Amino acid sequence: TARRDAAAGRVVGVARDITEEKRLEQQLLRSQKLESVGRLAGGIAHDFNNLLTAMHGEIDLARLDLPAGSPMLEVLDRLQAAASRAGTLTHQLLAFARRQFASPRVVRLDAIVREFEPLLRRVLRENVRLDIRPAADGWPVRLDPSQVEQVLMNLVVNASDAMPDGGTLTIETSNATLAEPGRREGVEIPAGDYVLLAVSDTGTGMDERTLARIFEPYFTTKEQGKGTGLGLAITYGIVKQNQGFIWVYSEPGAGTTFRLYFPRAGGAPPPALPPRPAGALGGSEVVLLAEDDPQVREMASRALRAQGYRLLAAADGASALEVARAEPGAIDLLVTDVIMPDMTGRALAQALAAERPGMRVLFVSGYTEAAVSHQGLLDPGVAFLAKPYTPSSLGAKLREVLGRAG
């Protein structure tokens, strides 16, 4: 702004640099855009998972009606493969939307990096040198190890592609204490203790325009057919799902560094448990199924009857209450969708628990456990099965729940 001082014969001007304000405004708009796209992606994946559950189930049930050597078995194999690929896509969409199924536990990032190192080396070209620098005394964090491996693989593949002529890829973990909140590239990290995972390359780097879009789903700078554009979007979703923060620094010709901060967890990592032996599917218990999607309900009913269970089926929570109250005998297990019209699965389970205290409950949903838990639709530690599921995975989960000690 400027003001003329006529009496003194001079002009007084005031200038203010608003570059930082404009940059923060763009960061906010970008974050809101990613949030909106994430909600849309999560909703699409939920509906699609219902369709895939019905498809997987009908394919498996159709196999039971065909004789060995039937040419239709090959057709079903191809259909099953296509449905599995579609399931992978919904898995990726849910990861970006921060609704991916996760089983977090207390782990050490340095241990995961060491264990995953041989596989990472196999995906790198011979002209890329891998330098692993794990912390010697890394603090514990609460994460799903498979998600950490997915993040590492995404970042390593991107880094390798950014070094077509070779270079050095460095992966390091370290403890980091922020005495006060830190801000970089529009991302603010609260003060506290964190474990840092840094992935750096000596590749081509990125300009500001590319940096502004790298976490958008389906955005890629790779040639057609050489990238889906979901790798960094998934990484972003996983980091946020685990209450972490991600910073990126890059310049054209100077390489790129991703810095991921995860909150320090209390306690020590538990010892690894041996895998549980798989048991036979099927049983004779009474199962009440509450599922509002008619295709999924029909498929699951046929599958559970074929496995020997006595099945009671209902299209929603209110109907399930009526069916349960009309049943004179015991109901061993309630299998209920989490989100149904008029009554949630949690409300149904609570209503029946008062009338049938010994009945066990298995929740299923096209959303993931993390998503419905964050919405207050599930209590921690309940039995949960994510869609899409197959008759065999449903049967295995039933045996797991029914076999638990009371």
Protein backbone atom coordinates (compact mmCIF):
# COMPACT_ATOMS: atom_id res chain seq x y z
CA THR A 1 0.00 0.00 0.00
CA ALA A 2 1.12 3.58 -0.57
CA ARG A 3 0.18 6.94 0.96
CA ARG A 4 1.13 10.41 -0.30
CA ASP A 5 2.19 12.96 2.32
CA ALA A 6 1.35 16.22 0.52
CA ALA A 7 2.70 18.52 3.24
CA ALA A 8 6.12 16.90 3.23
CA GLY A 9 6.16 16.30 -0.50
CA ARG A 10 6.85 12.57 -0.21
CA VAL A 11 5.25 9.15 -0.67
CA VAL A 12 5.19 6.55 2.13
CA GLY A 13 4.90 2.89 1.03
CA VAL A 14 4.41 -0.34 3.02
CA ALA A 15 5.14 -3.77 1.52
CA ARG A 16 4.44 -7.19 3.06
CA ASP A 17 5.73 -10.50 1.77
CA ILE A 18 2.80 -12.94 1.58
CA THR A 19 4.72 -15.74 -0.15
CA GLU A 20 4.52 -18.03 2.89
CA GLU A 21 0.81 -17.34 3.36
CA LYS A 22 0.13 -18.22 -0.28
CA ARG A 23 2.18 -21.41 0.00
CA LEU A 24 0.32 -22.49 3.15
CA GLU A 25 -2.98 -21.75 1.46
CA GLN A 26 -2.02 -24.02 -1.45
CA GLN A 27 -0.95 -26.75 0.99
CA LEU A 28 -4.31 -26.53 2.76
CA LEU A 29 -6.24 -26.73 -0.51
CA ARG A 30 -4.13 -29.70 -1.59
CA SER A 31 -4.77 -31.49 1.72
CA GLN A 32 -8.52 -30.87 1.47
CA LYS A 33 -8.51 -32.17 -2.09
CA LEU A 34 -6.76 -35.38 -1.05
CA GLU A 35 -9.23 -35.78 1.83
CA SER A 36 -12.23 -35.43 -0.50
CA VAL A 37 -10.81 -37.87 -3.05
CA GLY A 38 -10.04 -40.28 -0.21
CA ARG A 39 -13.65 -40.25 1.02
CA LEU A 40 -14.89 -40.88 -2.52
CA ALA A 41 -12.40 -43.72 -3.03
CA GLY A 42 -13.38 -45.34 0.27
CA GLY A 43 -17.10 -45.25 -0.59
CA ILE A 44 -16.53 -46.77 -4.03
CA ALA A 45 -14.34 -49.51 -2.56
CA HIS A 46 -17.00 -50.36 0.05
CA ASP A 47 -19.73 -50.86 -2.56
CA PHE A 48 -17.38 -52.73 -4.87
CA ASN A 49 -16.34 -55.10 -2.09
CA ASN A 50 -19.97 -56.19 -1.66
CA LEU A 51 -20.12 -57.07 -5.37
CA LEU A 52 -16.80 -58.92 -5.20
CA THR A 53 -17.92 -60.93 -2.18
CA ALA A 54 -20.91 -62.22 -4.12
CA MET A 55 -18.73 -62.93 -7.17
CA HIS A 56 -16.07 -64.85 -5.22
CA GLY A 57 -18.70 -66.85 -3.39
CA GLU A 58 -20.74 -67.83 -6.44
CA ILE A 59 -17.58 -68.90 -8.26
CA ASP A 60 -16.50 -71.13 -5.36
CA LEU A 61 -19.97 -72.62 -5.00
CA ALA A 62 -20.18 -73.27 -8.75
CA ARG A 63 -17.01 -75.37 -8.53
CA LEU A 64 -18.77 -77.75 -6.15
CA ASP A 65 -21.40 -78.55 -8.81
CA LEU A 66 -18.90 -79.38 -11.56
CA PRO A 67 -17.22 -82.75 -12.12
CA ALA A 68 -13.44 -83.03 -12.18
CA GLY A 69 -12.02 -82.21 -15.61
CA SER A 70 -14.96 -80.04 -16.67
CA PRO A 71 -13.90 -77.32 -19.15
CA MET A 72 -16.02 -74.87 -17.14
CA LEU A 73 -13.46 -75.09 -14.32
CA GLU A 74 -10.98 -73.17 -16.48
CA VAL A 75 -13.61 -70.50 -17.09
CA LEU A 76 -14.18 -70.21 -13.35
CA ASP A 77 -10.42 -69.95 -12.80
CA ARG A 78 -10.27 -66.98 -15.17
CA LEU A 79 -13.25 -65.35 -13.49
CA GLN A 80 -11.64 -65.89 -10.08
CA ALA A 81 -8.39 -64.30 -11.28
CA ALA A 82 -10.26 -61.27 -12.63
CA ALA A 83 -12.16 -60.87 -9.35
CA SER A 84 -8.91 -61.13 -7.40
CA ARG A 85 -7.34 -58.37 -9.51
CA ALA A 86 -10.41 -56.21 -8.85
CA GLY A 87 -10.00 -56.93 -5.14
CA THR A 88 -6.41 -55.70 -5.32
CA LEU A 89 -7.67 -52.43 -6.77
CA THR A 90 -10.17 -51.91 -3.94
CA HIS A 91 -7.37 -52.74 -1.47
CA GLN A 92 -5.31 -49.94 -3.01
CA LEU A 93 -8.21 -47.50 -2.92
CA LEU A 94 -8.85 -48.28 0.74
CA ALA A 95 -5.15 -47.79 1.50
CA PHE A 96 -5.26 -44.31 -0.02
CA ALA A 97 -8.51 -43.54 1.82
CA ARG A 98 -6.84 -44.62 5.12
CA ARG A 99 -9.40 -47.43 5.48
CA GLN A 100 -7.14 -50.34 4.71
CA PHE A 101 -7.39 -53.33 7.04
CA ALA A 102 -4.48 -53.21 9.46
CA SER A 103 -3.24 -55.29 12.37
CA PRO A 104 -0.95 -52.87 14.21
CA ARG A 105 1.36 -54.10 16.92
CA VAL A 106 4.45 -52.84 18.70
CA VAL A 107 7.45 -53.33 16.41
CA ARG A 108 10.85 -51.83 15.63
CA LEU A 109 11.31 -50.21 12.23
CA ASP A 110 15.00 -51.08 12.10
CA ALA A 111 14.17 -54.79 12.50
CA ILE A 112 11.57 -54.66 9.71
CA VAL A 113 14.02 -52.90 7.38
CA ARG A 114 16.70 -55.54 8.04
CA GLU A 115 14.30 -58.43 7.43
CA PHE A 116 12.94 -56.85 4.24
CA GLU A 117 16.37 -55.94 2.83
CA PRO A 118 16.89 -59.12 0.71
CA LEU A 119 13.60 -58.62 -1.12
CA LEU A 120 14.34 -54.93 -1.71
CA ARG A 121 17.69 -55.82 -3.28
CA ARG A 122 15.97 -58.16 -5.71
CA VAL A 123 13.78 -55.39 -7.16
CA LEU A 124 16.74 -53.06 -7.78
CA ARG A 125 18.82 -53.03 -10.94
CA GLU A 126 22.50 -53.93 -10.73
CA ASN A 127 23.54 -50.30 -11.25
CA VAL A 128 21.68 -49.13 -8.13
CA ARG A 129 23.58 -49.40 -4.85
CA LEU A 130 21.48 -49.99 -1.72
CA ASP A 131 22.76 -48.49 1.53
CA ILE A 132 20.87 -49.65 4.64
CA ARG A 133 21.48 -47.70 7.86
CA PRO A 134 19.16 -49.02 10.62
CA ALA A 135 19.23 -47.50 14.07
CA ALA A 136 21.13 -49.56 16.63
CA ASP A 137 18.67 -48.80 19.43
CA GLY A 138 15.50 -47.76 17.62
CA TRP A 139 12.45 -46.95 19.70
CA PRO A 140 9.32 -49.11 19.27
CA VAL A 141 6.40 -47.95 17.15
CA ARG A 142 2.88 -49.29 16.76
CA LEU A 143 2.41 -50.32 13.11
CA ASP A 144 1.27 -53.17 10.89
CA PRO A 145 4.55 -54.72 9.58
CA SER A 146 2.95 -55.58 6.24
CA GLN A 147 2.02 -51.93 5.75
CA VAL A 148 5.60 -50.86 6.49
CA GLU A 149 6.83 -53.34 3.88
CA GLN A 150 4.31 -51.95 1.38
CA VAL A 151 5.52 -48.41 2.03
CA LEU A 152 9.16 -49.47 1.67
CA MET A 153 8.47 -51.29 -1.59
CA ASN A 154 6.57 -48.31 -3.04
CA LEU A 155 9.33 -45.85 -2.16
CA VAL A 156 12.14 -48.14 -3.33
CA VAL A 157 10.49 -48.83 -6.70
CA ASN A 158 9.92 -45.11 -7.26
CA ALA A 159 13.49 -44.31 -6.29
CA SER A 160 14.84 -46.98 -8.64
CA ASP A 161 12.77 -45.61 -11.53
CA ALA A 162 14.17 -42.15 -10.81
CA MET A 163 17.74 -43.46 -11.33
CA PRO A 164 17.72 -44.91 -14.88
CA ASP A 165 21.50 -44.49 -15.12
CA GLY A 166 22.18 -45.91 -11.68
CA GLY A 167 22.87 -44.30 -8.35
CA THR A 168 22.60 -44.82 -4.61
CA LEU A 169 19.46 -45.57 -2.63
CA THR A 170 19.73 -44.99 1.12
CA ILE A 171 17.27 -46.28 3.72
CA GLU A 172 17.83 -45.25 7.31
CA THR A 173 15.95 -45.30 10.59
CA SER A 174 16.66 -43.16 13.63
CA ASN A 175 15.09 -41.80 16.79
CA ALA A 176 13.90 -38.20 16.61
CA THR A 177 12.73 -35.92 19.41
CA LEU A 178 11.02 -32.67 18.50
CA ALA A 179 11.17 -30.27 21.44
CA GLU A 180 8.69 -28.01 19.67
CA PRO A 181 6.35 -28.41 16.69
CA GLY A 182 8.16 -28.59 13.34
CA ARG A 183 6.94 -27.42 9.96
CA ARG A 184 8.24 -28.20 6.52
CA GLU A 185 6.57 -28.07 3.12
CA GLY A 186 3.29 -27.12 4.79
CA VAL A 187 3.27 -30.21 7.05
CA GLU A 188 3.35 -29.54 10.79
CA ILE A 189 4.50 -32.23 13.22
CA PRO A 190 3.59 -31.88 16.91
CA ALA A 191 6.36 -31.94 19.48
CA GLY A 192 7.21 -35.39 20.81
CA ASP A 193 9.21 -38.58 20.27
CA TYR A 194 9.20 -40.18 16.82
CA VAL A 195 10.96 -42.88 14.85
CA LEU A 196 12.15 -41.59 11.49
CA LEU A 197 12.23 -43.68 8.33
CA ALA A 198 14.11 -41.87 5.54
CA VAL A 199 14.42 -43.06 1.94
CA SER A 200 16.77 -41.06 -0.30
CA ASP A 201 17.93 -41.42 -3.88
CA THR A 202 20.43 -39.68 -6.15
CA GLY A 203 18.04 -39.63 -9.09
CA THR A 204 16.50 -37.05 -11.37
CA GLY A 205 14.54 -35.26 -8.66
CA MET A 206 11.23 -33.41 -9.07
CA ASP A 207 10.17 -29.85 -9.76
CA GLU A 208 7.63 -27.95 -7.64
CA ARG A 209 4.74 -28.70 -10.00
CA THR A 210 5.35 -32.44 -9.73
CA LEU A 211 5.88 -32.28 -5.96
CA ALA A 212 2.49 -30.63 -5.58
CA ARG A 213 0.73 -33.67 -7.06
CA ILE A 214 2.79 -36.72 -6.10
CA PHE A 215 0.28 -38.02 -3.54
CA GLU A 216 -2.72 -37.73 -5.84
CA PRO A 217 -4.08 -41.14 -6.91
CA TYR A 218 -3.35 -42.07 -10.52
CA PHE A 219 -0.89 -39.20 -10.98
CA THR A 220 2.34 -40.47 -12.53
CA THR A 221 5.23 -39.11 -14.55
CA LYS A 222 6.08 -42.56 -15.89
CA GLU A 223 5.37 -43.76 -19.40
CA GLN A 224 2.01 -45.36 -20.08
CA GLY A 225 1.94 -48.94 -18.85
CA LYS A 226 4.91 -48.47 -16.46
CA GLY A 227 3.08 -47.18 -13.42
CA THR A 228 -0.41 -47.02 -11.91
CA GLY A 229 0.04 -43.72 -10.10
CA LEU A 230 -1.15 -45.34 -6.83
CA GLY A 231 2.17 -46.13 -5.10
CA LEU A 232 2.72 -42.78 -3.37
CA ALA A 233 -1.02 -42.28 -2.80
CA ILE A 234 -1.06 -45.59 -0.92
CA THR A 235 2.07 -44.58 1.01
CA TYR A 236 0.42 -41.31 2.03
CA GLY A 237 -2.72 -43.14 3.18
CA ILE A 238 -0.79 -45.70 5.22
CA VAL A 239 1.31 -43.04 6.96
CA LYS A 240 -1.79 -41.03 7.87
CA GLN A 241 -3.68 -44.13 8.99
CA ASN A 242 -0.88 -44.79 11.48
CA GLN A 243 -0.89 -41.19 12.83
CA GLY A 244 2.38 -40.50 11.05
CA PHE A 245 3.69 -37.59 9.00
CA ILE A 246 5.53 -37.48 5.69
CA TRP A 247 7.90 -34.83 4.38
CA VAL A 248 9.35 -34.77 0.88
CA TYR A 249 12.35 -32.81 -0.33
CA SER A 250 13.43 -32.84 -3.95
CA GLU A 251 15.10 -30.69 -6.57
CA PRO A 252 15.58 -31.38 -10.29
CA GLY A 253 18.89 -33.18 -10.75
CA ALA A 254 19.53 -33.43 -7.00
CA GLY A 255 17.54 -36.50 -6.00
CA THR A 256 14.64 -36.96 -3.59
CA THR A 257 14.27 -37.72 0.11
CA PHE A 258 11.10 -39.00 1.80
CA ARG A 259 11.09 -38.60 5.58
CA LEU A 260 8.39 -40.53 7.45
CA TYR A 261 7.80 -39.83 11.16
CA PHE A 262 5.89 -42.35 13.29
CA PRO A 263 5.01 -41.70 16.98
CA ARG A 264 7.03 -43.61 19.52
CA ALA A 265 5.08 -46.41 21.21
CA GLY A 266 5.31 -47.55 24.80
CA GLY A 267 6.37 -51.08 25.71
CA ALA A 268 8.59 -53.59 23.93
CA PRO A 269 7.82 -55.62 20.81
CA PRO A 270 6.29 -59.00 21.78
CA PRO A 271 8.00 -62.23 20.68
CA ALA A 272 6.77 -63.71 17.42
CA LEU A 273 4.08 -66.36 17.83
CA PRO A 274 4.14 -69.59 15.83
CA PRO A 275 1.44 -69.81 13.15
CA ARG A 276 -1.76 -71.53 14.18
CA PRO A 277 -2.52 -74.78 12.37
CA ALA A 278 -5.43 -74.58 9.99
CA GLY A 279 -8.48 -76.48 11.10
CA ALA A 280 -11.21 -78.17 9.08
CA LEU A 281 -14.05 -75.96 7.87
CA GLY A 282 -17.66 -76.53 8.81
CA GLY A 283 -19.70 -77.28 11.90
CA SER A 284 -23.20 -77.94 13.19
CA GLU A 285 -23.78 -74.78 15.22
CA VAL A 286 -26.72 -72.40 14.73
CA VAL A 287 -25.70 -69.19 12.94
CA LEU A 288 -27.79 -66.03 12.56
CA LEU A 289 -26.76 -64.04 9.47
CA ALA A 290 -27.76 -60.36 9.18
CA GLU A 291 -26.77 -58.96 5.76
CA ASP A 292 -28.61 -56.23 3.82
CA ASP A 293 -27.03 -56.97 0.43
CA PRO A 294 -29.24 -59.69 -1.12
CA GLN A 295 -26.50 -61.21 -3.30
CA VAL A 296 -24.06 -61.47 -0.42
CA ARG A 297 -26.76 -62.82 1.89
CA GLU A 298 -27.76 -65.53 -0.59
CA MET A 299 -24.16 -66.55 -1.28
CA ALA A 300 -23.17 -66.65 2.41
CA SER A 301 -26.33 -68.61 3.30
CA ARG A 302 -25.62 -71.26 0.69
CA ALA A 303 -21.99 -71.51 1.71
CA LEU A 304 -22.67 -71.90 5.43
CA ARG A 305 -25.44 -74.46 4.87
CA ALA A 306 -23.06 -76.42 2.64
CA GLN A 307 -20.56 -76.40 5.53
CA GLY A 308 -23.10 -78.00 7.85
CA TYR A 309 -24.34 -75.03 9.89
CA ARG A 310 -28.03 -74.48 10.65
CA LEU A 311 -28.61 -71.02 9.26
CA LEU A 312 -31.06 -68.26 10.16
CA ALA A 313 -30.92 -65.34 7.72
CA ALA A 314 -32.25 -61.78 7.92
CA ALA A 315 -32.06 -58.73 5.64
CA ASP A 316 -31.50 -56.11 8.36
CA GLY A 317 -31.16 -55.60 12.09
CA ALA A 318 -34.87 -55.40 12.89
CA SER A 319 -35.59 -58.59 10.97
CA ALA A 320 -32.68 -60.32 12.71
CA LEU A 321 -34.18 -59.44 16.10
CA GLU A 322 -37.51 -60.95 15.05
CA VAL A 323 -35.83 -64.11 13.75
CA ALA A 324 -33.79 -64.49 16.94
CA ARG A 325 -36.81 -64.01 19.20
CA ALA A 326 -38.76 -66.61 17.22
CA GLU A 327 -35.97 -69.18 17.61
CA PRO A 328 -36.62 -71.35 20.70
CA GLY A 329 -33.18 -72.93 20.76
CA ALA A 330 -29.70 -71.53 21.24
CA ILE A 331 -28.01 -69.31 18.63
CA ASP A 332 -24.27 -69.91 18.76
CA LEU A 333 -23.07 -67.09 16.52
CA LEU A 334 -24.33 -63.83 15.02
CA VAL A 335 -22.68 -62.86 11.71
CA THR A 336 -23.69 -59.28 10.97
CA ASP A 337 -22.81 -56.55 8.53
CA VAL A 338 -21.60 -53.45 10.38
CA ILE A 339 -23.60 -50.87 8.40
CA MET A 340 -27.24 -51.71 7.67
CA PRO A 341 -30.42 -49.64 7.24
CA ASP A 342 -32.07 -48.42 10.48
CA MET A 343 -29.87 -50.46 12.82
CA THR A 344 -26.10 -50.96 12.83
CA GLY A 345 -24.52 -54.32 13.45
CA ARG A 346 -23.17 -53.07 16.76
CA ALA A 347 -26.66 -52.06 17.93
CA LEU A 348 -28.03 -55.45 16.85
CA ALA A 349 -25.29 -57.30 18.74
CA GLN A 350 -25.91 -55.23 21.88
CA ALA A 351 -29.67 -55.88 21.72
CA LEU A 352 -29.18 -59.63 21.34
CA ALA A 353 -26.43 -59.81 23.97
CA ALA A 354 -28.96 -58.94 26.68
CA GLU A 355 -31.26 -61.76 25.53
CA ARG A 356 -28.61 -64.32 24.56
CA PRO A 357 -25.48 -63.63 26.68
CA GLY A 358 -23.63 -66.72 25.44
CA MET A 359 -23.93 -65.85 21.75
CA ARG A 360 -20.73 -64.89 19.94
CA VAL A 361 -20.51 -62.22 17.25
CA LEU A 362 -18.60 -61.82 13.99
CA PHE A 363 -18.77 -58.44 12.24
CA VAL A 364 -18.28 -58.12 8.47
CA SER A 365 -18.08 -55.02 6.28
CA GLY A 366 -17.06 -53.68 2.89
CA TYR A 367 -15.26 -51.01 4.89
CA THR A 368 -12.26 -52.13 6.88
CA GLU A 369 -11.95 -52.58 10.61
CA ALA A 370 -9.94 -49.37 10.95
CA ALA A 371 -12.60 -47.32 9.17
CA VAL A 372 -15.60 -48.58 11.14
CA SER A 373 -13.68 -48.42 14.43
CA HIS A 374 -12.77 -44.78 13.83
CA GLN A 375 -16.46 -44.03 13.16
CA GLY A 376 -17.40 -45.54 16.51
CA LEU A 377 -19.25 -48.45 14.87
CA LEU A 378 -17.05 -51.17 16.40
CA ASP A 379 -15.44 -51.74 19.77
CA PRO A 380 -11.74 -52.62 19.88
CA GLY A 381 -10.89 -56.31 19.84
CA VAL A 382 -14.11 -57.65 18.32
CA ALA A 383 -14.07 -60.41 15.70
CA PHE A 384 -14.06 -58.86 12.22
CA LEU A 385 -13.93 -60.10 8.61
CA ALA A 386 -13.37 -57.66 5.76
CA LYS A 387 -15.10 -58.02 2.41
CA PRO A 388 -14.58 -59.36 -0.13
CA TYR A 389 -14.47 -62.80 1.46
CA THR A 390 -14.85 -66.28 0.01
CA PRO A 391 -16.86 -69.22 1.41
CA SER A 392 -13.63 -70.79 2.66
CA SER A 393 -12.37 -67.62 4.37
CA LEU A 394 -15.81 -67.09 5.94
CA GLY A 395 -15.84 -70.70 7.14
CA ALA A 396 -12.33 -70.40 8.56
CA LYS A 397 -13.26 -67.23 10.44
CA LEU A 398 -16.36 -68.89 11.90
CA ARG A 399 -14.26 -71.77 13.23
CA GLU A 400 -11.82 -69.27 14.73
CA VAL A 401 -14.59 -67.33 16.50
CA LEU A 402 -16.55 -70.39 17.64
CA GLY A 403 -13.35 -72.03 18.86
CA ARG A 404 -12.40 -69.17 21.15
CA ALA A 405 -12.61 -69.70 24.86
CA GLY A 406 -15.68 -68.10 26.36
